[in-house]
Every structure is written in C-alpha cells, then in structure tokens.
Amino acid sequence: MQTFTANEAKTRFGELIDRVQREPIQVTRRNRVVGVMVSAEDYHAMREFYADRLRRSLKQSAEEAASKGLTDEKLEQLLADED
C-alpha cells in the first residue's frame, strides 16, 4: 500500500484518485496514518461484507436465544425500564 502525506494528497489529489482505482492509499499527517483512500467499488464491497457478517451474527444470536427459550415477552421483561 502506498503512503502519501496529507500535503502530498492535497497537491496530487487527481493522481490519488487514479491510483486508488488500483490499490488503497494511506494518508499520513505528522507520521501518523489518518486515513485510507479506496475506490468506490472497494468501499461498497467492504460495506456489503460487514453488513452480511452482521446479519449472520444477528441471525445466529436470535436462533441461539430462541433455542434457550427466550421469547419476545421474556425479552420485553428483561429490557423493561423498571424504576
């Protein structure tokens, strides 16, 4: 992964846009990574990957809770804000 300083990224922005179509680019400020530029295609693929992972985790948790007898009613009782 290539690295550009924030100043380089600012002055060479057009070049960065072209480069991120091929690979992610790190942007640093004061020798610290402050961001990573990726193509729109990679960004959408990452979002879909993590959304799918979250959906699977939620489904698995719901199935496990149901198998252990957790009902909607019991969940409401557990989550009730009692004073």
N, C-alpha and C. Protein backbone atom coordinates (compact mmCIF):
# COMPACT_ATOMS: atom_id res chain seq x y z
N MET A 1 0.86 -1.17 0.00
CA MET A 1 0.00 0.00 0.00
C MET A 1 0.91 1.23 0.00
N GLN A 2 0.63 2.14 -0.90
CA GLN A 2 1.41 3.37 -0.96
C GLN A 2 0.94 4.34 0.12
N THR A 3 1.85 5.23 0.50
CA THR A 3 1.56 6.22 1.52
C THR A 3 1.87 7.61 0.99
N PHE A 4 0.95 8.52 1.24
CA PHE A 4 1.12 9.93 0.89
C PHE A 4 0.94 10.75 2.15
N THR A 5 1.69 11.82 2.27
CA THR A 5 1.42 12.74 3.37
C THR A 5 0.16 13.51 3.03
N ALA A 6 -0.46 14.12 4.02
CA ALA A 6 -1.67 14.91 3.78
C ALA A 6 -1.38 16.02 2.77
N ASN A 7 -0.21 16.63 2.87
CA ASN A 7 0.14 17.70 1.93
C ASN A 7 0.28 17.16 0.51
N GLU A 8 0.95 16.02 0.36
CA GLU A 8 1.06 15.39 -0.96
C GLU A 8 -0.31 15.03 -1.50
N ALA A 9 -1.16 14.49 -0.64
CA ALA A 9 -2.51 14.10 -1.07
C ALA A 9 -3.28 15.31 -1.57
N LYS A 10 -3.09 16.44 -0.90
CA LYS A 10 -3.78 17.66 -1.30
C LYS A 10 -3.27 18.16 -2.65
N THR A 11 -1.97 18.18 -2.81
CA THR A 11 -1.42 18.74 -4.05
C THR A 11 -1.49 17.76 -5.22
N ARG A 12 -1.60 16.46 -4.95
CA ARG A 12 -1.63 15.45 -6.01
C ARG A 12 -2.94 14.67 -6.01
N PHE A 13 -4.03 15.35 -5.65
CA PHE A 13 -5.31 14.69 -5.48
C PHE A 13 -5.77 13.94 -6.73
N GLY A 14 -5.62 14.54 -7.89
CA GLY A 14 -6.02 13.88 -9.13
C GLY A 14 -5.29 12.57 -9.32
N GLU A 15 -4.00 12.56 -9.02
CA GLU A 15 -3.20 11.33 -9.12
C GLU A 15 -3.69 10.28 -8.12
N LEU A 16 -4.03 10.72 -6.91
CA LEU A 16 -4.54 9.78 -5.91
C LEU A 16 -5.84 9.13 -6.37
N ILE A 17 -6.72 9.90 -6.96
CA ILE A 17 -7.98 9.35 -7.46
C ILE A 17 -7.71 8.24 -8.47
N ASP A 18 -6.74 8.46 -9.34
CA ASP A 18 -6.38 7.42 -10.31
C ASP A 18 -5.77 6.19 -9.63
N ARG A 19 -4.88 6.43 -8.68
CA ARG A 19 -4.19 5.32 -8.01
C ARG A 19 -5.12 4.46 -7.17
N VAL A 20 -6.09 5.06 -6.51
CA VAL A 20 -6.98 4.25 -5.65
C VAL A 20 -7.87 3.31 -6.45
N GLN A 21 -7.92 3.50 -7.75
CA GLN A 21 -8.66 2.55 -8.58
C GLN A 21 -7.92 1.22 -8.65
N ARG A 22 -6.61 1.25 -8.35
CA ARG A 22 -5.79 0.04 -8.40
C ARG A 22 -5.47 -0.53 -7.03
N GLU A 23 -5.29 0.34 -6.02
CA GLU A 23 -4.94 -0.10 -4.68
C GLU A 23 -5.26 0.99 -3.67
N PRO A 24 -5.50 0.61 -2.40
CA PRO A 24 -5.74 1.62 -1.36
C PRO A 24 -4.49 2.48 -1.15
N ILE A 25 -4.70 3.70 -0.70
CA ILE A 25 -3.61 4.64 -0.43
C ILE A 25 -3.75 5.13 1.01
N GLN A 26 -2.67 5.03 1.79
CA GLN A 26 -2.66 5.58 3.15
C GLN A 26 -2.33 7.07 3.09
N VAL A 27 -2.95 7.83 3.95
CA VAL A 27 -2.64 9.26 4.07
C VAL A 27 -2.15 9.48 5.50
N THR A 28 -0.99 10.13 5.62
CA THR A 28 -0.42 10.38 6.94
C THR A 28 -0.34 11.87 7.22
N ARG A 29 -0.35 12.18 8.50
CA ARG A 29 -0.12 13.54 8.97
C ARG A 29 0.74 13.40 10.22
N ARG A 30 1.85 14.12 10.23
CA ARG A 30 2.81 14.05 11.36
C ARG A 30 3.20 12.60 11.65
N ASN A 31 3.51 11.87 10.58
CA ASN A 31 3.96 10.47 10.67
C ASN A 31 2.95 9.51 11.29
N ARG A 32 1.67 9.86 11.23
CA ARG A 32 0.60 9.01 11.75
C ARG A 32 -0.44 8.80 10.66
N VAL A 33 -0.86 7.56 10.46
CA VAL A 33 -1.89 7.29 9.45
C VAL A 33 -3.20 7.90 9.93
N VAL A 34 -3.76 8.80 9.11
CA VAL A 34 -5.02 9.47 9.48
C VAL A 34 -6.18 9.06 8.57
N GLY A 35 -5.88 8.32 7.53
CA GLY A 35 -6.94 7.88 6.64
C GLY A 35 -6.42 6.95 5.57
N VAL A 36 -7.36 6.28 4.93
CA VAL A 36 -7.04 5.40 3.81
C VAL A 36 -8.05 5.68 2.72
N MET A 37 -7.56 5.93 1.53
CA MET A 37 -8.45 6.16 0.38
C MET A 37 -8.59 4.84 -0.38
N VAL A 38 -9.83 4.50 -0.71
CA VAL A 38 -10.11 3.30 -1.50
C VAL A 38 -11.07 3.67 -2.63
N SER A 39 -11.12 2.83 -3.63
CA SER A 39 -12.05 3.07 -4.73
C SER A 39 -13.48 2.91 -4.23
N ALA A 40 -14.41 3.51 -4.93
CA ALA A 40 -15.82 3.38 -4.58
C ALA A 40 -16.24 1.91 -4.62
N GLU A 41 -15.72 1.17 -5.58
CA GLU A 41 -16.05 -0.25 -5.71
C GLU A 41 -15.59 -1.03 -4.47
N ASP A 42 -14.36 -0.77 -4.02
CA ASP A 42 -13.85 -1.45 -2.83
C ASP A 42 -14.64 -1.04 -1.58
N TYR A 43 -14.97 0.22 -1.49
CA TYR A 43 -15.74 0.72 -0.35
C TYR A 43 -17.10 0.02 -0.26
N HIS A 44 -17.80 -0.08 -1.38
CA HIS A 44 -19.11 -0.74 -1.37
C HIS A 44 -18.99 -2.23 -1.07
N ALA A 45 -17.93 -2.86 -1.58
CA ALA A 45 -17.71 -4.29 -1.30
C ALA A 45 -17.45 -4.50 0.19
N MET A 46 -16.67 -3.61 0.82
CA MET A 46 -16.40 -3.73 2.25
C MET A 46 -17.67 -3.53 3.06
N ARG A 47 -18.47 -2.53 2.69
CA ARG A 47 -19.73 -2.30 3.41
C ARG A 47 -20.65 -3.50 3.31
N GLU A 48 -20.75 -4.10 2.14
CA GLU A 48 -21.61 -5.26 1.95
C GLU A 48 -21.09 -6.45 2.75
N PHE A 49 -19.77 -6.64 2.76
CA PHE A 49 -19.16 -7.72 3.52
C PHE A 49 -19.52 -7.60 5.00
N TYR A 50 -19.32 -6.41 5.58
CA TYR A 50 -19.60 -6.23 7.01
C TYR A 50 -21.09 -6.25 7.32
N ALA A 51 -21.93 -5.78 6.42
CA ALA A 51 -23.38 -5.84 6.63
C ALA A 51 -23.82 -7.30 6.62
N ASP A 52 -23.29 -8.10 5.71
CA ASP A 52 -23.64 -9.51 5.65
C ASP A 52 -23.16 -10.23 6.91
N ARG A 53 -21.97 -9.90 7.36
CA ARG A 53 -21.44 -10.50 8.58
C ARG A 53 -22.32 -10.16 9.78
N LEU A 54 -22.77 -8.92 9.87
CA LEU A 54 -23.65 -8.51 10.96
C LEU A 54 -24.99 -9.25 10.88
N ARG A 55 -25.56 -9.36 9.67
CA ARG A 55 -26.83 -10.09 9.51
C ARG A 55 -26.70 -11.53 9.98
N ARG A 56 -25.59 -12.19 9.61
CA ARG A 56 -25.39 -13.58 10.02
C ARG A 56 -25.22 -13.69 11.53
N SER A 57 -24.50 -12.76 12.13
CA SER A 57 -24.30 -12.79 13.58
C SER A 57 -25.62 -12.58 14.31
N LEU A 58 -26.44 -11.63 13.85
CA LEU A 58 -27.74 -11.39 14.47
C LEU A 58 -28.65 -12.60 14.34
N LYS A 59 -28.66 -13.22 13.17
CA LYS A 59 -29.50 -14.40 12.95
C LYS A 59 -29.06 -15.54 13.87
N GLN A 60 -27.75 -15.73 13.97
CA GLN A 60 -27.22 -16.79 14.83
C GLN A 60 -27.57 -16.52 16.30
N SER A 61 -27.44 -15.27 16.73
CA SER A 61 -27.78 -14.92 18.11
C SER A 61 -29.26 -15.15 18.39
N ALA A 62 -30.11 -14.75 17.44
CA ALA A 62 -31.55 -14.94 17.61
C ALA A 62 -31.90 -16.42 17.68
N GLU A 63 -31.28 -17.23 16.84
CA GLU A 63 -31.56 -18.67 16.86
C GLU A 63 -31.10 -19.29 18.16
N GLU A 64 -29.95 -18.86 18.67
CA GLU A 64 -29.44 -19.40 19.93
C GLU A 64 -30.33 -18.99 21.09
N ALA A 65 -30.76 -17.74 21.10
CA ALA A 65 -31.65 -17.26 22.16
C ALA A 65 -32.97 -18.02 22.13
N ALA A 66 -33.52 -18.22 20.94
CA ALA A 66 -34.78 -18.95 20.82
C ALA A 66 -34.63 -20.39 21.29
N SER A 67 -33.50 -20.99 20.96
CA SER A 67 -33.30 -22.39 21.37
C SER A 67 -33.17 -22.53 22.88
N LYS A 68 -32.82 -21.42 23.55
CA LYS A 68 -32.70 -21.44 25.00
C LYS A 68 -33.95 -20.90 25.69
N GLY A 69 -35.02 -20.70 24.90
CA GLY A 69 -36.30 -20.33 25.47
C GLY A 69 -36.59 -18.85 25.58
N LEU A 70 -35.79 -18.02 24.97
CA LEU A 70 -36.06 -16.58 25.03
C LEU A 70 -37.19 -16.25 24.06
N THR A 71 -38.27 -15.71 24.59
CA THR A 71 -39.40 -15.29 23.76
C THR A 71 -39.43 -13.77 23.70
N ASP A 72 -40.27 -13.24 22.82
CA ASP A 72 -40.42 -11.79 22.75
C ASP A 72 -40.90 -11.22 24.07
N GLU A 73 -41.80 -11.94 24.72
CA GLU A 73 -42.32 -11.49 26.00
C GLU A 73 -41.24 -11.44 27.08
N LYS A 74 -40.42 -12.49 27.14
CA LYS A 74 -39.32 -12.51 28.12
C LYS A 74 -38.31 -11.41 27.82
N LEU A 75 -38.07 -11.17 26.56
CA LEU A 75 -37.13 -10.11 26.18
C LEU A 75 -37.67 -8.75 26.61
N GLU A 76 -38.96 -8.54 26.41
CA GLU A 76 -39.58 -7.27 26.84
C GLU A 76 -39.43 -7.09 28.34
N GLN A 77 -39.64 -8.17 29.09
CA GLN A 77 -39.49 -8.09 30.54
C GLN A 77 -38.06 -7.76 30.93
N LEU A 78 -37.11 -8.39 30.29
CA LEU A 78 -35.69 -8.14 30.60
C LEU A 78 -35.29 -6.70 30.27
N LEU A 79 -35.87 -6.17 29.23
CA LEU A 79 -35.49 -4.82 28.78
C LEU A 79 -36.34 -3.72 29.39
N ALA A 80 -37.36 -4.10 30.14
CA ALA A 80 -38.26 -3.11 30.73
C ALA A 80 -37.46 -2.20 31.67
N ASP A 81 -37.75 -0.95 31.58
CA ASP A 81 -37.08 0.05 32.42
C ASP A 81 -37.87 0.19 33.70
N GLU A 82 -37.45 -0.56 34.70
CA GLU A 82 -38.16 -0.54 35.98
C GLU A 82 -37.51 0.48 36.90
N ASP A 83 -38.35 1.30 37.53
CA ASP A 83 -37.83 2.32 38.46
C ASP A 83 -37.72 1.78 39.85
